[in-house]
Amino acid sequence: MAQAGSIILAVGAMTVTNDVLFNKQPMNWKVPIATAIGALMFTGFQSAAGEPAVMLAWLALVGSLLYTPKTGKPLAVNLSNWATGK
């Protein structure tokens, strides 16, 4: 079973990658700080609630793949454009 905190760290890493690498935005240091705080909170939530915390973390991961508010293009579209060289 995946740990909820590590899934949240993946969400933050994808957000930073999408903004900085694919969309040429300047690094927003609020994202890694908030990701670290969120991962700690989800780790505590998982020890208290168990499996629902992991399910909620997976939902956050799927949501971050489908929606990026800054550019309007999902991360999956950016990844496919990057892979094909567009």
N, C-alpha and C. Protein backbone atom coordinates (compact mmCIF):
# COMPACT_ATOMS: atom_id res chain seq x y z
N MET A 1 0.84 -1.18 0.00
CA MET A 1 0.00 0.00 0.00
C MET A 1 0.89 1.24 0.00
N ALA A 2 0.55 2.18 -0.83
CA ALA A 2 1.32 3.42 -0.92
C ALA A 2 1.04 4.30 0.30
N GLN A 3 2.06 5.03 0.68
CA GLN A 3 1.90 5.97 1.78
C GLN A 3 1.28 7.26 1.24
N ALA A 4 0.36 7.83 1.99
CA ALA A 4 -0.34 9.03 1.54
C ALA A 4 0.61 10.21 1.38
N GLY A 5 1.59 10.31 2.26
CA GLY A 5 2.53 11.42 2.17
C GLY A 5 3.37 11.38 0.91
N SER A 6 3.77 10.20 0.48
CA SER A 6 4.58 10.09 -0.74
C SER A 6 3.76 10.41 -1.99
N ILE A 7 2.49 10.10 -1.95
CA ILE A 7 1.62 10.45 -3.08
C ILE A 7 1.47 11.96 -3.17
N ILE A 8 1.32 12.62 -2.04
CA ILE A 8 1.21 14.08 -2.02
C ILE A 8 2.52 14.71 -2.49
N LEU A 9 3.66 14.13 -2.14
CA LEU A 9 4.94 14.64 -2.64
C LEU A 9 5.01 14.52 -4.16
N ALA A 10 4.45 13.46 -4.71
CA ALA A 10 4.41 13.30 -6.17
C ALA A 10 3.53 14.37 -6.81
N VAL A 11 2.43 14.72 -6.14
CA VAL A 11 1.56 15.78 -6.65
C VAL A 11 2.32 17.10 -6.71
N GLY A 12 3.05 17.41 -5.66
CA GLY A 12 3.82 18.65 -5.64
C GLY A 12 4.92 18.65 -6.68
N ALA A 13 5.58 17.52 -6.86
CA ALA A 13 6.64 17.45 -7.87
C ALA A 13 6.08 17.62 -9.28
N MET A 14 4.90 17.05 -9.53
CA MET A 14 4.29 17.22 -10.84
C MET A 14 3.86 18.67 -11.07
N THR A 15 3.39 19.32 -10.02
CA THR A 15 2.98 20.72 -10.15
C THR A 15 4.18 21.61 -10.48
N VAL A 16 5.28 21.41 -9.77
CA VAL A 16 6.48 22.21 -10.04
C VAL A 16 7.01 21.91 -11.43
N THR A 17 7.03 20.65 -11.81
CA THR A 17 7.52 20.28 -13.15
C THR A 17 6.66 20.90 -14.23
N ASN A 18 5.36 20.86 -14.06
CA ASN A 18 4.45 21.42 -15.05
C ASN A 18 4.66 22.93 -15.19
N ASP A 19 4.78 23.62 -14.06
CA ASP A 19 4.92 25.07 -14.12
C ASP A 19 6.28 25.50 -14.66
N VAL A 20 7.34 24.92 -14.12
CA VAL A 20 8.68 25.40 -14.44
C VAL A 20 9.19 24.83 -15.76
N LEU A 21 9.09 23.54 -15.95
CA LEU A 21 9.69 22.90 -17.12
C LEU A 21 8.85 23.08 -18.38
N PHE A 22 7.56 22.78 -18.28
CA PHE A 22 6.72 22.78 -19.47
C PHE A 22 6.16 24.15 -19.82
N ASN A 23 5.83 24.96 -18.81
CA ASN A 23 5.16 26.23 -19.08
C ASN A 23 6.05 27.44 -18.85
N LYS A 24 7.33 27.22 -18.56
CA LYS A 24 8.32 28.28 -18.43
C LYS A 24 7.92 29.37 -17.43
N GLN A 25 7.27 28.96 -16.34
CA GLN A 25 6.93 29.88 -15.26
C GLN A 25 8.12 29.98 -14.32
N PRO A 26 8.27 31.10 -13.62
CA PRO A 26 9.33 31.16 -12.60
C PRO A 26 8.97 30.23 -11.44
N MET A 27 10.01 29.77 -10.74
CA MET A 27 9.80 28.86 -9.61
C MET A 27 9.01 29.55 -8.52
N ASN A 28 7.89 28.95 -8.14
CA ASN A 28 7.07 29.46 -7.05
C ASN A 28 7.39 28.61 -5.82
N TRP A 29 8.13 29.17 -4.88
CA TRP A 29 8.60 28.41 -3.72
C TRP A 29 7.49 28.09 -2.73
N LYS A 30 6.32 28.65 -2.93
CA LYS A 30 5.18 28.31 -2.06
C LYS A 30 4.72 26.88 -2.30
N VAL A 31 4.87 26.40 -3.53
CA VAL A 31 4.40 25.05 -3.87
C VAL A 31 5.19 23.98 -3.12
N PRO A 32 6.55 23.99 -3.14
CA PRO A 32 7.25 22.95 -2.39
C PRO A 32 7.03 23.03 -0.88
N ILE A 33 6.90 24.24 -0.36
CA ILE A 33 6.66 24.39 1.08
C ILE A 33 5.29 23.84 1.44
N ALA A 34 4.27 24.20 0.65
CA ALA A 34 2.93 23.70 0.91
C ALA A 34 2.84 22.19 0.70
N THR A 35 3.62 21.67 -0.26
CA THR A 35 3.64 20.23 -0.49
C THR A 35 4.21 19.49 0.70
N ALA A 36 5.30 20.02 1.26
CA ALA A 36 5.90 19.38 2.43
C ALA A 36 4.94 19.39 3.62
N ILE A 37 4.27 20.51 3.83
CA ILE A 37 3.29 20.60 4.93
C ILE A 37 2.13 19.63 4.67
N GLY A 38 1.65 19.59 3.44
CA GLY A 38 0.56 18.68 3.10
C GLY A 38 0.94 17.22 3.26
N ALA A 39 2.17 16.88 2.89
CA ALA A 39 2.63 15.49 3.04
C ALA A 39 2.68 15.10 4.52
N LEU A 40 3.14 16.01 5.35
CA LEU A 40 3.16 15.73 6.79
C LEU A 40 1.74 15.57 7.35
N MET A 41 0.83 16.42 6.88
CA MET A 41 -0.55 16.33 7.34
C MET A 41 -1.20 15.02 6.88
N PHE A 42 -0.95 14.63 5.64
CA PHE A 42 -1.52 13.38 5.15
C PHE A 42 -0.92 12.16 5.83
N THR A 43 0.35 12.25 6.23
CA THR A 43 0.95 11.16 6.98
C THR A 43 0.26 11.00 8.33
N GLY A 44 -0.01 12.10 9.00
CA GLY A 44 -0.75 12.04 10.25
C GLY A 44 -2.18 11.57 10.06
N PHE A 45 -2.80 12.04 8.97
CA PHE A 45 -4.16 11.62 8.67
C PHE A 45 -4.24 10.13 8.38
N GLN A 46 -3.20 9.60 7.72
CA GLN A 46 -3.18 8.18 7.43
C GLN A 46 -3.03 7.35 8.70
N SER A 47 -2.23 7.84 9.64
CA SER A 47 -2.08 7.07 10.88
C SER A 47 -3.35 7.11 11.70
N ALA A 48 -4.16 8.15 11.53
CA ALA A 48 -5.42 8.25 12.28
C ALA A 48 -6.57 7.55 11.57
N ALA A 49 -6.66 7.73 10.24
CA ALA A 49 -7.84 7.23 9.52
C ALA A 49 -7.56 6.00 8.67
N GLY A 50 -6.31 5.82 8.26
CA GLY A 50 -5.97 4.64 7.47
C GLY A 50 -6.21 4.82 5.99
N GLU A 51 -6.92 3.87 5.40
CA GLU A 51 -7.12 3.79 3.96
C GLU A 51 -7.82 5.02 3.34
N PRO A 52 -8.78 5.67 3.98
CA PRO A 52 -9.38 6.86 3.36
C PRO A 52 -8.37 7.97 3.06
N ALA A 53 -7.32 8.08 3.86
CA ALA A 53 -6.30 9.09 3.59
C ALA A 53 -5.55 8.77 2.31
N VAL A 54 -5.27 7.50 2.08
CA VAL A 54 -4.57 7.10 0.86
C VAL A 54 -5.47 7.32 -0.35
N MET A 55 -6.74 7.00 -0.23
CA MET A 55 -7.67 7.22 -1.33
C MET A 55 -7.80 8.70 -1.67
N LEU A 56 -7.82 9.55 -0.67
CA LEU A 56 -7.90 10.99 -0.90
C LEU A 56 -6.62 11.50 -1.56
N ALA A 57 -5.48 10.95 -1.18
CA ALA A 57 -4.21 11.33 -1.81
C ALA A 57 -4.20 10.92 -3.28
N TRP A 58 -4.70 9.72 -3.59
CA TRP A 58 -4.79 9.29 -4.99
C TRP A 58 -5.73 10.19 -5.78
N LEU A 59 -6.81 10.65 -5.15
CA LEU A 59 -7.73 11.56 -5.81
C LEU A 59 -7.02 12.88 -6.13
N ALA A 60 -6.19 13.36 -5.22
CA ALA A 60 -5.42 14.58 -5.47
C ALA A 60 -4.45 14.37 -6.63
N LEU A 61 -3.85 13.20 -6.71
CA LEU A 61 -2.93 12.90 -7.81
C LEU A 61 -3.64 12.91 -9.15
N VAL A 62 -4.77 12.26 -9.22
CA VAL A 62 -5.54 12.23 -10.47
C VAL A 62 -6.02 13.63 -10.83
N GLY A 63 -6.45 14.39 -9.83
CA GLY A 63 -6.89 15.76 -10.09
C GLY A 63 -5.77 16.64 -10.61
N SER A 64 -4.58 16.45 -10.11
CA SER A 64 -3.46 17.25 -10.59
C SER A 64 -3.04 16.86 -12.00
N LEU A 65 -3.29 15.62 -12.39
CA LEU A 65 -3.02 15.22 -13.76
C LEU A 65 -4.03 15.80 -14.74
N LEU A 66 -5.24 16.02 -14.29
CA LEU A 66 -6.31 16.45 -15.19
C LEU A 66 -6.51 17.95 -15.26
N TYR A 67 -6.00 18.70 -14.29
CA TYR A 67 -6.32 20.13 -14.23
C TYR A 67 -5.11 20.93 -13.77
N THR A 68 -4.74 21.93 -14.55
CA THR A 68 -3.72 22.89 -14.13
C THR A 68 -4.28 24.29 -14.34
N PRO A 69 -4.50 25.04 -13.27
CA PRO A 69 -5.20 26.31 -13.40
C PRO A 69 -4.41 27.42 -14.09
N LYS A 70 -3.08 27.39 -14.08
CA LYS A 70 -2.31 28.51 -14.64
C LYS A 70 -2.38 28.57 -16.15
N THR A 71 -2.28 27.44 -16.80
CA THR A 71 -2.23 27.43 -18.25
C THR A 71 -3.49 26.87 -18.89
N GLY A 72 -4.28 26.16 -18.13
CA GLY A 72 -5.47 25.54 -18.68
C GLY A 72 -5.21 24.24 -19.41
N LYS A 73 -3.93 23.85 -19.53
CA LYS A 73 -3.60 22.59 -20.18
C LYS A 73 -3.23 21.57 -19.10
N PRO A 74 -3.82 20.41 -19.15
CA PRO A 74 -3.48 19.39 -18.16
C PRO A 74 -2.03 18.92 -18.31
N LEU A 75 -1.49 18.40 -17.23
CA LEU A 75 -0.13 17.90 -17.24
C LEU A 75 0.02 16.76 -18.25
N ALA A 76 -0.99 15.94 -18.40
CA ALA A 76 -0.91 14.84 -19.37
C ALA A 76 -0.74 15.36 -20.79
N VAL A 77 -1.39 16.46 -21.12
CA VAL A 77 -1.23 17.06 -22.46
C VAL A 77 0.18 17.60 -22.61
N ASN A 78 0.71 18.25 -21.57
CA ASN A 78 2.06 18.77 -21.64
C ASN A 78 3.08 17.65 -21.79
N LEU A 79 2.86 16.54 -21.09
CA LEU A 79 3.76 15.40 -21.21
C LEU A 79 3.73 14.80 -22.61
N SER A 80 2.55 14.69 -23.19
CA SER A 80 2.46 14.11 -24.53
C SER A 80 3.07 15.05 -25.56
N ASN A 81 2.89 16.36 -25.39
CA ASN A 81 3.51 17.31 -26.32
C ASN A 81 5.02 17.27 -26.20
N TRP A 82 5.51 17.13 -24.97
CA TRP A 82 6.95 17.08 -24.73
C TRP A 82 7.55 15.80 -25.33
N ALA A 83 6.82 14.69 -25.20
CA ALA A 83 7.31 13.42 -25.71
C ALA A 83 7.35 13.40 -27.24
N THR A 84 6.41 14.07 -27.87
CA THR A 84 6.37 14.08 -29.34
C THR A 84 7.16 15.23 -29.94
N GLY A 85 7.66 16.15 -29.11
CA GLY A 85 8.46 17.26 -29.59
C GLY A 85 7.66 18.43 -30.12
N LYS A 86 6.42 18.54 -29.75
CA LYS A 86 5.58 19.67 -30.22
C LYS A 86 5.84 20.90 -29.41
